PDB file of N, CA and C in Angstrom:
ATOM      1  N   MET A   1      26.440 -31.762  79.538  1.00  0.00           N
ATOM      2  CA  MET A   1      25.506 -30.973  78.769  1.00  0.00           C
ATOM      3  C   MET A   1      25.488 -31.502  77.374  1.00  0.00           C
ATOM      4  N   LYS A   2      24.419 -31.242  76.652  1.00  0.00           N
ATOM      5  CA  LYS A   2      24.302 -31.646  75.270  1.00  0.00           C
ATOM      6  C   LYS A   2      24.230 -30.408  74.364  1.00  0.00           C
ATOM      7  N   VAL A   3      25.027 -30.373  73.322  1.00  0.00           N
ATOM      8  CA  VAL A   3      25.103 -29.261  72.417  1.00  0.00           C
ATOM      9  C   VAL A   3      24.972 -29.776  70.989  1.00  0.00           C
ATOM     10  N   ASP A   4      23.996 -29.318  70.266  1.00  0.00           N
ATOM     11  CA  ASP A   4      23.808 -29.757  68.873  1.00  0.00           C
ATOM     12  C   ASP A   4      23.816 -31.287  68.717  1.00  0.00           C
ATOM     13  N   GLY A   5      23.198 -31.992  69.699  1.00  0.00           N
ATOM     14  CA  GLY A   5      23.119 -33.437  69.599  1.00  0.00           C
ATOM     15  C   GLY A   5      24.418 -34.138  70.099  1.00  0.00           C
ATOM     16  N   VAL A   6      25.405 -33.394  70.550  1.00  0.00           N
ATOM     17  CA  VAL A   6      26.639 -34.006  70.997  1.00  0.00           C
ATOM     18  C   VAL A   6      26.753 -33.851  72.527  1.00  0.00           C
ATOM     19  N   GLU A   7      27.049 -34.971  73.157  1.00  0.00           N
ATOM     20  CA  GLU A   7      27.252 -35.007  74.606  1.00  0.00           C
ATOM     21  C   GLU A   7      28.590 -34.346  74.932  1.00  0.00           C
ATOM     22  N   VAL A   8      28.613 -33.308  75.751  1.00  0.00           N
ATOM     23  CA  VAL A   8      29.840 -32.608  76.105  1.00  0.00           C
ATOM     24  C   VAL A   8      30.117 -32.788  77.615  1.00  0.00           C
ATOM     25  N   LYS A   9      31.286 -33.359  77.910  1.00  0.00           N
ATOM     26  CA  LYS A   9      31.705 -33.550  79.314  1.00  0.00           C
ATOM     27  C   LYS A   9      32.874 -32.574  79.598  1.00  0.00           C
ATOM     28  N   VAL A  10      32.756 -31.846  80.680  1.00  0.00           N
ATOM     29  CA  VAL A  10      33.786 -30.855  81.021  1.00  0.00           C
ATOM     30  C   VAL A  10      34.483 -31.300  82.323  1.00  0.00           C
ATOM     31  N   ILE A  11      35.801 -31.244  82.324  1.00  0.00           N
ATOM     32  CA  ILE A  11      36.628 -31.657  83.470  1.00  0.00           C
ATOM     33  C   ILE A  11      37.618 -30.550  83.814  1.00  0.00           C
ATOM     34  N   ASN A  12      37.615 -30.159  85.094  1.00  0.00           N
ATOM     35  CA  ASN A  12      38.540 -29.161  85.606  1.00  0.00           C
ATOM     36  C   ASN A  12      38.383 -27.770  85.007  1.00  0.00           C
ATOM     37  N   LEU A  13      37.204 -27.451  84.547  1.00  0.00           N
ATOM     38  CA  LEU A  13      36.932 -26.097  84.072  1.00  0.00           C
ATOM     39  C   LEU A  13      35.685 -25.510  84.742  1.00  0.00           C
ATOM     40  N   GLU A  14      35.902 -24.421  85.465  1.00  0.00           N
ATOM     41  CA  GLU A  14      34.789 -23.796  86.161  1.00  0.00           C
ATOM     42  C   GLU A  14      34.167 -22.734  85.244  1.00  0.00           C
ATOM     43  N   ASN A  15      32.885 -22.442  85.429  1.00  0.00           N
ATOM     44  CA  ASN A  15      32.195 -21.421  84.646  1.00  0.00           C
ATOM     45  C   ASN A  15      32.240 -21.688  83.161  1.00  0.00           C
ATOM     46  N   PHE A  16      32.225 -22.925  82.748  1.00  0.00           N
ATOM     47  CA  PHE A  16      32.225 -23.298  81.344  1.00  0.00           C
ATOM     48  C   PHE A  16      30.833 -23.109  80.762  1.00  0.00           C
ATOM     49  N   THR A  17      30.700 -22.302  79.707  1.00  0.00           N
ATOM     50  CA  THR A  17      29.401 -21.950  79.185  1.00  0.00           C
ATOM     51  C   THR A  17      28.996 -22.862  78.019  1.00  0.00           C
ATOM     52  N   GLU A  18      27.758 -22.855  77.719  1.00  0.00           N
ATOM     53  CA  GLU A  18      27.246 -23.639  76.576  1.00  0.00           C
ATOM     54  C   GLU A  18      27.796 -23.050  75.254  1.00  0.00           C
ATOM     55  N   GLU A  19      28.015 -21.787  75.186  1.00  0.00           N
ATOM     56  CA  GLU A  19      28.632 -21.190  74.005  1.00  0.00           C
ATOM     57  C   GLU A  19      30.068 -21.708  73.811  1.00  0.00           C
ATOM     58  N   GLU A  20      30.816 -21.843  74.878  1.00  0.00           N
ATOM     59  CA  GLU A  20      32.150 -22.394  74.763  1.00  0.00           C
ATOM     60  C   GLU A  20      32.133 -23.847  74.270  1.00  0.00           C
ATOM     61  N   ALA A  21      31.149 -24.602  74.818  1.00  0.00           N
ATOM     62  CA  ALA A  21      30.975 -26.010  74.417  1.00  0.00           C
ATOM     63  C   ALA A  21      30.648 -26.081  72.943  1.00  0.00           C
ATOM     64  N   LYS A  22      29.761 -25.170  72.448  1.00  0.00           N
ATOM     65  CA  LYS A  22      29.449 -25.151  71.017  1.00  0.00           C
ATOM     66  C   LYS A  22      30.647 -24.864  70.170  1.00  0.00           C
ATOM     67  N   ASN A  23      31.506 -23.949  70.649  1.00  0.00           N
ATOM     68  CA  ASN A  23      32.743 -23.586  69.907  1.00  0.00           C
ATOM     69  C   ASN A  23      33.668 -24.853  69.808  1.00  0.00           C
ATOM     70  N   TYR A  24      33.790 -25.621  70.903  1.00  0.00           N
ATOM     71  CA  TYR A  24      34.623 -26.816  70.822  1.00  0.00           C
ATOM     72  C   TYR A  24      34.000 -27.892  69.861  1.00  0.00           C
ATOM     73  N   VAL A  25      32.702 -28.024  69.939  1.00  0.00           N
ATOM     74  CA  VAL A  25      32.004 -28.971  69.073  1.00  0.00           C
ATOM     75  C   VAL A  25      32.270 -28.578  67.603  1.00  0.00           C
ATOM     76  N   ASP A  26      32.098 -27.319  67.308  1.00  0.00           N
ATOM     77  CA  ASP A  26      32.307 -26.796  65.920  1.00  0.00           C
ATOM     78  C   ASP A  26      33.742 -26.999  65.496  1.00  0.00           C
ATOM     79  N   TYR A  27      34.663 -26.788  66.419  1.00  0.00           N
ATOM     80  CA  TYR A  27      36.091 -26.965  66.135  1.00  0.00           C
ATOM     81  C   TYR A  27      36.429 -28.369  65.741  1.00  0.00           C
ATOM     82  N   VAL A  28      35.891 -29.331  66.472  1.00  0.00           N
ATOM     83  CA  VAL A  28      36.166 -30.733  66.220  1.00  0.00           C
ATOM     84  C   VAL A  28      35.439 -31.149  64.903  1.00  0.00           C
ATOM     85  N   ARG A  29      34.228 -30.709  64.681  1.00  0.00           N
ATOM     86  CA  ARG A  29      33.471 -31.088  63.483  1.00  0.00           C
ATOM     87  C   ARG A  29      34.160 -30.582  62.227  1.00  0.00           C
ATOM     88  N   GLU A  30      34.819 -29.470  62.291  1.00  0.00           N
ATOM     89  CA  GLU A  30      35.577 -28.948  61.119  1.00  0.00           C
ATOM     90  C   GLU A  30      36.726 -29.854  60.733  1.00  0.00           C
ATOM     91  N   ARG A  31      37.197 -30.648  61.672  1.00  0.00           N
ATOM     92  CA  ARG A  31      38.405 -31.451  61.432  1.00  0.00           C
ATOM     93  C   ARG A  31      38.154 -32.921  61.169  1.00  0.00           C
ATOM     94  N   ILE A  32      36.923 -33.386  61.310  1.00  0.00           N
ATOM     95  CA  ILE A  32      36.597 -34.771  61.118  1.00  0.00           C
ATOM     96  C   ILE A  32      35.479 -34.922  60.079  1.00  0.00           C
ATOM     97  N   SER A  33      35.367 -36.104  59.560  1.00  0.00           N
ATOM     98  CA  SER A  33      34.288 -36.337  58.564  1.00  0.00           C
ATOM     99  C   SER A  33      33.156 -37.185  59.105  1.00  0.00           C
ATOM    100  N   ASP A  34      33.382 -37.927  60.167  1.00  0.00           N
ATOM    101  CA  ASP A  34      32.324 -38.761  60.762  1.00  0.00           C
ATOM    102  C   ASP A  34      31.407 -37.978  61.681  1.00  0.00           C
ATOM    103  N   PRO A  35      30.190 -38.432  61.855  1.00  0.00           N
ATOM    104  CA  PRO A  35      29.298 -37.726  62.773  1.00  0.00           C
ATOM    105  C   PRO A  35      29.850 -37.779  64.271  1.00  0.00           C
ATOM    106  N   LEU A  36      29.820 -36.645  64.914  1.00  0.00           N
ATOM    107  CA  LEU A  36      30.387 -36.536  66.257  1.00  0.00           C
ATOM    108  C   LEU A  36      29.344 -37.002  67.297  1.00  0.00           C
ATOM    109  N   LYS A  37      29.746 -37.924  68.202  1.00  0.00           N
ATOM    110  CA  LYS A  37      28.860 -38.473  69.223  1.00  0.00           C
ATOM    111  C   LYS A  37      29.040 -37.807  70.549  1.00  0.00           C
ATOM    112  N   SER A  38      30.315 -37.645  71.042  1.00  0.00           N
ATOM    113  CA  SER A  38      30.601 -36.996  72.309  1.00  0.00           C
ATOM    114  C   SER A  38      31.927 -36.343  72.290  1.00  0.00           C
ATOM    115  N   ILE A  39      32.159 -35.377  73.191  1.00  0.00           N
ATOM    116  CA  ILE A  39      33.424 -34.723  73.333  1.00  0.00           C
ATOM    117  C   ILE A  39      33.717 -34.465  74.790  1.00  0.00           C
ATOM    118  N   GLU A  40      34.967 -34.597  75.180  1.00  0.00           N
ATOM    119  CA  GLU A  40      35.395 -34.359  76.550  1.00  0.00           C
ATOM    120  C   GLU A  40      36.413 -33.185  76.481  1.00  0.00           C
ATOM    121  N   VAL A  41      36.108 -32.159  77.223  1.00  0.00           N
ATOM    122  CA  VAL A  41      37.001 -30.989  77.305  1.00  0.00           C
ATOM    123  C   VAL A  41      37.605 -30.967  78.704  1.00  0.00           C
ATOM    124  N   LYS A  42      38.969 -31.062  78.762  1.00  0.00           N
ATOM    125  CA  LYS A  42      39.617 -31.194  80.041  1.00  0.00           C
ATOM    126  C   LYS A  42      40.779 -30.186  80.131  1.00  0.00           C
ATOM    127  N   MET A  43      40.831 -29.486  81.275  1.00  0.00           N
ATOM    128  CA  MET A  43      41.961 -28.594  81.556  1.00  0.00           C
ATOM    129  C   MET A  43      43.070 -29.423  82.171  1.00  0.00           C
ATOM    130  N   CYS A  44      44.241 -29.410  81.523  1.00  0.00           N
ATOM    131  CA  CYS A  44      45.366 -30.178  82.014  1.00  0.00           C
ATOM    132  C   CYS A  44      46.143 -29.385  83.039  1.00  0.00           C
ATOM    133  N   ASP A  45      47.055 -30.031  83.761  1.00  0.00           N
ATOM    134  CA  ASP A  45      47.869 -29.383  84.797  1.00  0.00           C
ATOM    135  C   ASP A  45      48.727 -28.241  84.223  1.00  0.00           C
ATOM    136  N   ASP A  46      49.147 -28.363  82.969  1.00  0.00           N
ATOM    137  CA  ASP A  46      49.963 -27.332  82.362  1.00  0.00           C
ATOM    138  C   ASP A  46      49.186 -26.143  81.812  1.00  0.00           C
ATOM    139  N   GLY A  47      47.862 -26.147  82.020  1.00  0.00           N
ATOM    140  CA  GLY A  47      46.980 -25.056  81.543  1.00  0.00           C
ATOM    141  C   GLY A  47      46.491 -25.205  80.125  1.00  0.00           C
ATOM    142  N   LYS A  48      46.842 -26.292  79.478  1.00  0.00           N
ATOM    143  CA  LYS A  48      46.347 -26.510  78.095  1.00  0.00           C
ATOM    144  C   LYS A  48      45.061 -27.322  78.163  1.00  0.00           C
ATOM    145  N   ILE A  49      44.321 -27.190  77.101  1.00  0.00           N
ATOM    146  CA  ILE A  49      43.019 -27.910  76.965  1.00  0.00           C
ATOM    147  C   ILE A  49      43.230 -29.203  76.201  1.00  0.00           C
ATOM    148  N   ASP A  50      42.716 -30.276  76.724  1.00  0.00           N
ATOM    149  CA  ASP A  50      42.773 -31.613  76.059  1.00  0.00           C
ATOM    150  C   ASP A  50      41.408 -31.899  75.571  1.00  0.00           C
ATOM    151  N   LEU A  51      41.268 -32.207  74.255  1.00  0.00           N
ATOM    152  CA  LEU A  51      39.999 -32.583  73.664  1.00  0.00           C
ATOM    153  C   LEU A  51      40.042 -34.039  73.316  1.00  0.00           C
ATOM    154  N   ASP A  52      39.065 -34.811  73.769  1.00  0.00           N
ATOM    155  CA  ASP A  52      38.921 -36.210  73.434  1.00  0.00           C
ATOM    156  C   ASP A  52      37.495 -36.392  72.878  1.00  0.00           C
ATOM    157  N   TYR A  53      37.343 -36.982  71.688  1.00  0.00           N
ATOM    158  CA  TYR A  53      36.012 -37.128  71.122  1.00  0.00           C
ATOM    159  C   TYR A  53      35.793 -38.521  70.630  1.00  0.00           C
ATOM    160  N   THR A  54      34.500 -38.839  70.455  1.00  0.00           N
ATOM    161  CA  THR A  54      34.035 -40.140  69.944  1.00  0.00           C
ATOM    162  C   THR A  54      33.094 -39.887  68.803  1.00  0.00           C
ATOM    163  N   THR A  55      33.238 -40.625  67.714  1.00  0.00           N
ATOM    164  CA  THR A  55      32.364 -40.491  66.567  1.00  0.00           C
ATOM    165  C   THR A  55      31.413 -41.649  66.553  1.00  0.00           C
ATOM    166  N   GLN A  56      30.346 -41.443  65.798  1.00  0.00           N
ATOM    167  CA  GLN A  56      29.325 -42.429  65.600  1.00  0.00           C
ATOM    168  C   GLN A  56      29.710 -43.330  64.411  1.00  0.00           C
ATOM    169  N   GLY A  57      29.629 -44.611  64.550  1.00  0.00           N
ATOM    170  CA  GLY A  57      29.922 -45.503  63.452  1.00  0.00           C
ATOM    171  C   GLY A  57      28.821 -45.390  62.379  1.00  0.00           C
ATOM    172  N   GLU A  58      29.252 -45.496  61.126  1.00  0.00           N
ATOM    173  CA  GLU A  58      28.324 -45.520  60.035  1.00  0.00           C
ATOM    174  C   GLU A  58      27.701 -46.907  59.842  1.00  0.00           C
ATOM    175  N   LYS A  59      26.407 -46.977  59.677  1.00  0.00           N
ATOM    176  CA  LYS A  59      25.810 -48.284  59.394  1.00  0.00           C
ATOM    177  C   LYS A  59      26.031 -48.593  57.926  1.00  0.00           C
ATOM    178  N   PHE A  60      26.465 -49.825  57.696  1.00  0.00           N
ATOM    179  CA  PHE A  60      26.714 -50.247  56.305  1.00  0.00           C
ATOM    180  C   PHE A  60      26.269 -51.690  56.126  1.00  0.00           C
ATOM    181  N   GLU A  61      26.072 -52.005  54.883  1.00  0.00           N
ATOM    182  CA  GLU A  61      25.718 -53.384  54.503  1.00  0.00           C
ATOM    183  C   GLU A  61      26.815 -53.956  53.686  1.00  0.00           C
ATOM    184  N   ARG A  62      27.296 -55.120  54.000  1.00  0.00           N
ATOM    185  CA  ARG A  62      28.351 -55.741  53.235  1.00  0.00           C
ATOM    186  C   ARG A  62      27.819 -56.130  51.892  1.00  0.00           C
ATOM    187  N   ILE A  63      28.546 -55.774  50.837  1.00  0.00           N
ATOM    188  CA  ILE A  63      28.158 -56.196  49.496  1.00  0.00           C
ATOM    189  C   ILE A  63      29.331 -57.039  48.906  1.00  0.00           C
ATOM    190  N   ARG A  64      28.939 -58.182  48.390  1.00  0.00           N
ATOM    191  CA  ARG A  64      29.936 -59.100  47.837  1.00  0.00           C
ATOM    192  C   ARG A  64      29.629 -59.351  46.359  1.00  0.00           C
ATOM    193  N   ARG A  65      30.681 -59.624  45.610  1.00  0.00           N
ATOM    194  CA  ARG A  65      30.483 -60.005  44.243  1.00  0.00           C
ATOM    195  C   ARG A  65      30.589 -61.528  44.172  1.00  0.00           C
ATOM    196  N   ILE A  66      29.482 -62.181  43.899  1.00  0.00           N
ATOM    197  CA  ILE A  66      29.461 -63.638  43.949  1.00  0.00           C
ATOM    198  C   ILE A  66      28.865 -64.113  42.619  1.00  0.00           C
ATOM    199  N   THR A  67      29.590 -64.931  41.918  1.00  0.00           N
ATOM    200  CA  THR A  67      29.158 -65.523  40.650  1.00  0.00           C
ATOM    201  C   THR A  67      28.513 -64.498  39.726  1.00  0.00           C
ATOM    202  N   GLY A  68      29.183 -63.336  39.639  1.00  0.00           N
ATOM    203  CA  GLY A  68      28.726 -62.354  38.697  1.00  0.00           C
ATOM    204  C   GLY A  68      27.668 -61.396  39.143  1.00  0.00           C
ATOM    205  N   TYR A  69      27.226 -61.494  40.467  1.00  0.00           N
ATOM    206  CA  TYR A  69      26.187 -60.581  40.959  1.00  0.00           C
ATOM    207  C   TYR A  69      26.690 -59.844  42.168  1.00  0.00           C
ATOM    208  N   LEU A  70      26.282 -58.625  42.343  1.00  0.00           N
ATOM    209  CA  LEU A  70      26.536 -57.881  43.580  1.00  0.00           C
ATOM    210  C   LEU A  70      25.385 -58.116  44.520  1.00  0.00           C
ATOM    211  N   THR A  71      25.668 -58.493  45.720  1.00  0.00           N
ATOM    212  CA  THR A  71      24.603 -58.790  46.665  1.00  0.00           C
ATOM    213  C   THR A  71      25.011 -58.546  48.057  1.00  0.00           C
ATOM    214  N   GLY A  72      24.055 -58.189  48.911  1.00  0.00           N
ATOM    215  CA  GLY A  72      24.345 -57.992  50.333  1.00  0.00           C
ATOM    216  C   GLY A  72      24.086 -59.270  51.103  1.00  0.00           C
ATOM    217  N   ASP A  73      23.123 -60.016  50.678  1.00  0.00           N
ATOM    218  CA  ASP A  73      22.881 -61.354  51.269  1.00  0.00           C
ATOM    219  C   ASP A  73      22.278 -62.271  50.216  1.00  0.00           C
ATOM    220  N   LEU A  74      22.043 -63.515  50.621  1.00  0.00           N
ATOM    221  CA  LEU A  74      21.591 -64.512  49.602  1.00  0.00           C
ATOM    222  C   LEU A  74      20.104 -64.814  49.755  1.00  0.00           C
ATOM    223  N   ASN A  75      19.383 -64.096  50.578  1.00  0.00           N
ATOM    224  CA  ASN A  75      17.954 -64.398  50.816  1.00  0.00           C
ATOM    225  C   ASN A  75      17.070 -64.423  49.576  1.00  0.00           C
ATOM    226  N   SER A  76      17.380 -63.555  48.611  1.00  0.00           N
ATOM    227  CA  SER A  76      16.537 -63.465  47.433  1.00  0.00           C
ATOM    228  C   SER A  76      16.956 -64.426  46.336  1.00  0.00           C
ATOM    229  N   TRP A  77      17.964 -65.201  46.573  1.00  0.00           N
ATOM    230  CA  TRP A  77      18.477 -66.157  45.546  1.00  0.00           C
ATOM    231  C   TRP A  77      17.642 -67.447  45.569  1.00  0.00           C
ATOM    232  N   ASN A  78      17.545 -68.040  44.365  1.00  0.00           N
ATOM    233  CA  ASN A  78      16.855 -69.330  44.276  1.00  0.00           C
ATOM    234  C   ASN A  78      17.826 -70.447  44.739  1.00  0.00           C
ATOM    235  N   ASN A  79      17.333 -71.656  44.845  1.00  0.00           N
ATOM    236  CA  ASN A  79      18.116 -72.764  45.359  1.00  0.00           C
ATOM    237  C   ASN A  79      19.324 -73.095  44.454  1.00  0.00           C
ATOM    238  N   ALA A  80      19.143 -72.987  43.167  1.00  0.00           N
ATOM    239  CA  ALA A  80      20.250 -73.278  42.237  1.00  0.00           C
ATOM    240  C   ALA A  80      21.397 -72.304  42.447  1.00  0.00           C
ATOM    241  N   LYS A  81      21.047 -70.995  42.549  1.00  0.00           N
ATOM    242  CA  LYS A  81      22.123 -69.986  42.716  1.00  0.00           C
ATOM    243  C   LYS A  81      22.798 -70.099  44.073  1.00  0.00           C
ATOM    244  N   ARG A  82      21.988 -70.465  45.113  1.00  0.00           N
ATOM    245  CA  ARG A  82      22.590 -70.725  46.475  1.00  0.00           C
ATOM    246  C   ARG A  82      23.581 -71.905  46.418  1.00  0.00           C
ATOM    247  N   ALA A  83      23.181 -72.964  45.710  1.00  0.00           N
ATOM    248  CA  ALA A  83      24.042 -74.125  45.624  1.00  0.00           C
ATOM    249  C   ALA A  83      25.331 -73.774  44.872  1.00  0.00           C
ATOM    250  N   GLU A  84      25.180 -72.939  43.797  1.00  0.00           N
ATOM    251  CA  GLU A  84      26.371 -72.492  43.045  1.00  0.00           C
ATOM    252  C   GLU A  84      27.343 -71.721  43.968  1.00  0.00           C
ATOM    253  N   GLU A  85      26.779 -70.914  44.839  1.00  0.00           N
ATOM    254  CA  GLU A  85      27.607 -70.112  45.739  1.00  0.00           C
ATOM    255  C   GLU A  85      28.289 -71.049  46.795  1.00  0.00           C
ATOM    256  N   SER A  86      27.560 -71.977  47.334  1.00  0.00           N
ATOM    257  CA  SER A  86      28.147 -72.846  48.346  1.00  0.00           C
ATOM    258  C   SER A  86      29.187 -73.799  47.813  1.00  0.00           C
ATOM    259  N   GLU A  87      29.177 -74.081  46.522  1.00  0.00           N
ATOM    260  CA  GLU A  87      30.115 -75.013  45.900  1.00  0.00           C
ATOM    261  C   GLU A  87      31.374 -74.278  45.391  1.00  0.00           C
ATOM    262  N   ARG A  88      31.396 -72.949  45.389  1.00  0.00           N
ATOM    263  CA  ARG A  88      32.556 -72.256  44.815  1.00  0.00           C
ATOM    264  C   ARG A  88      33.751 -72.421  45.716  1.00  0.00           C
ATOM    265  N   VAL A  89      34.945 -72.289  45.129  1.00  0.00           N
ATOM    266  CA  VAL A  89      36.180 -72.406  45.891  1.00  0.00           C
ATOM    267  C   VAL A  89      36.454 -71.064  46.645  1.00  0.00           C
ATOM    268  N   LYS A  90      36.671 -71.145  47.916  1.00  0.00           N
ATOM    269  CA  LYS A  90      36.987 -69.937  48.694  1.00  0.00           C
ATOM    270  C   LYS A  90      38.453 -70.020  49.027  1.00  0.00           C
ATOM    271  N   HIS A  91      39.199 -68.908  48.697  1.00  0.00           N
ATOM    272  CA  HIS A  91      40.613 -68.907  48.863  1.00  0.00           C
ATOM    273  C   HIS A  91      40.942 -68.143  50.155  1.00  0.00           C
ATOM    274  N   ASN A  92      42.006 -68.615  50.846  1.00  0.00           N
ATOM    275  CA  ASN A  92      42.488 -67.908  52.042  1.00  0.00           C
ATOM    276  C   ASN A  92      43.589 -66.925  51.652  1.00  0.00           C
ATOM    277  N   ILE A  93      43.695 -65.839  52.346  1.00  0.00           N
ATOM    278  CA  ILE A  93      44.771 -64.883  52.094  1.00  0.00           C
ATOM    279  C   ILE A  93      45.723 -64.946  53.281  1.00  0.00           C
ATOM    280  N   PHE A  94      46.999 -65.172  52.982  1.00  0.00           N
ATOM    281  CA  PHE A  94      48.035 -65.224  53.993  1.00  0.00           C
ATOM    282  C   PHE A  94      48.903 -63.991  53.912  1.00  0.00           C
ATOM    283  N   ALA A  95      49.160 -63.327  55.050  1.00  0.00           N
ATOM    284  CA  ALA A  95      49.973 -62.115  55.036  1.00  0.00           C
ATOM    285  C   ALA A  95      51.378 -62.496  55.420  1.00  0.00           C
TER     286      ALA A  95
END
């Protein structure tokens, strides 16, 4: 079932209502900061409920500081600035 845009999978629970699913979705959302994608509600052998959830990744653009400019990519740069970037020394980091 789908509740508030979240896919809810129920395992080993009979007569599980949509209201109960919404309560579990709200419970998990209160405890995480990322957007919730799916949740699995499972009754364990010991009678306890196991919650397993997946969040949606945030889309981001990599921004680098290169030769004094913040940029996501080099598409808008002229040939001289691209050459300057390609000629710079790139250092490796060893752990």
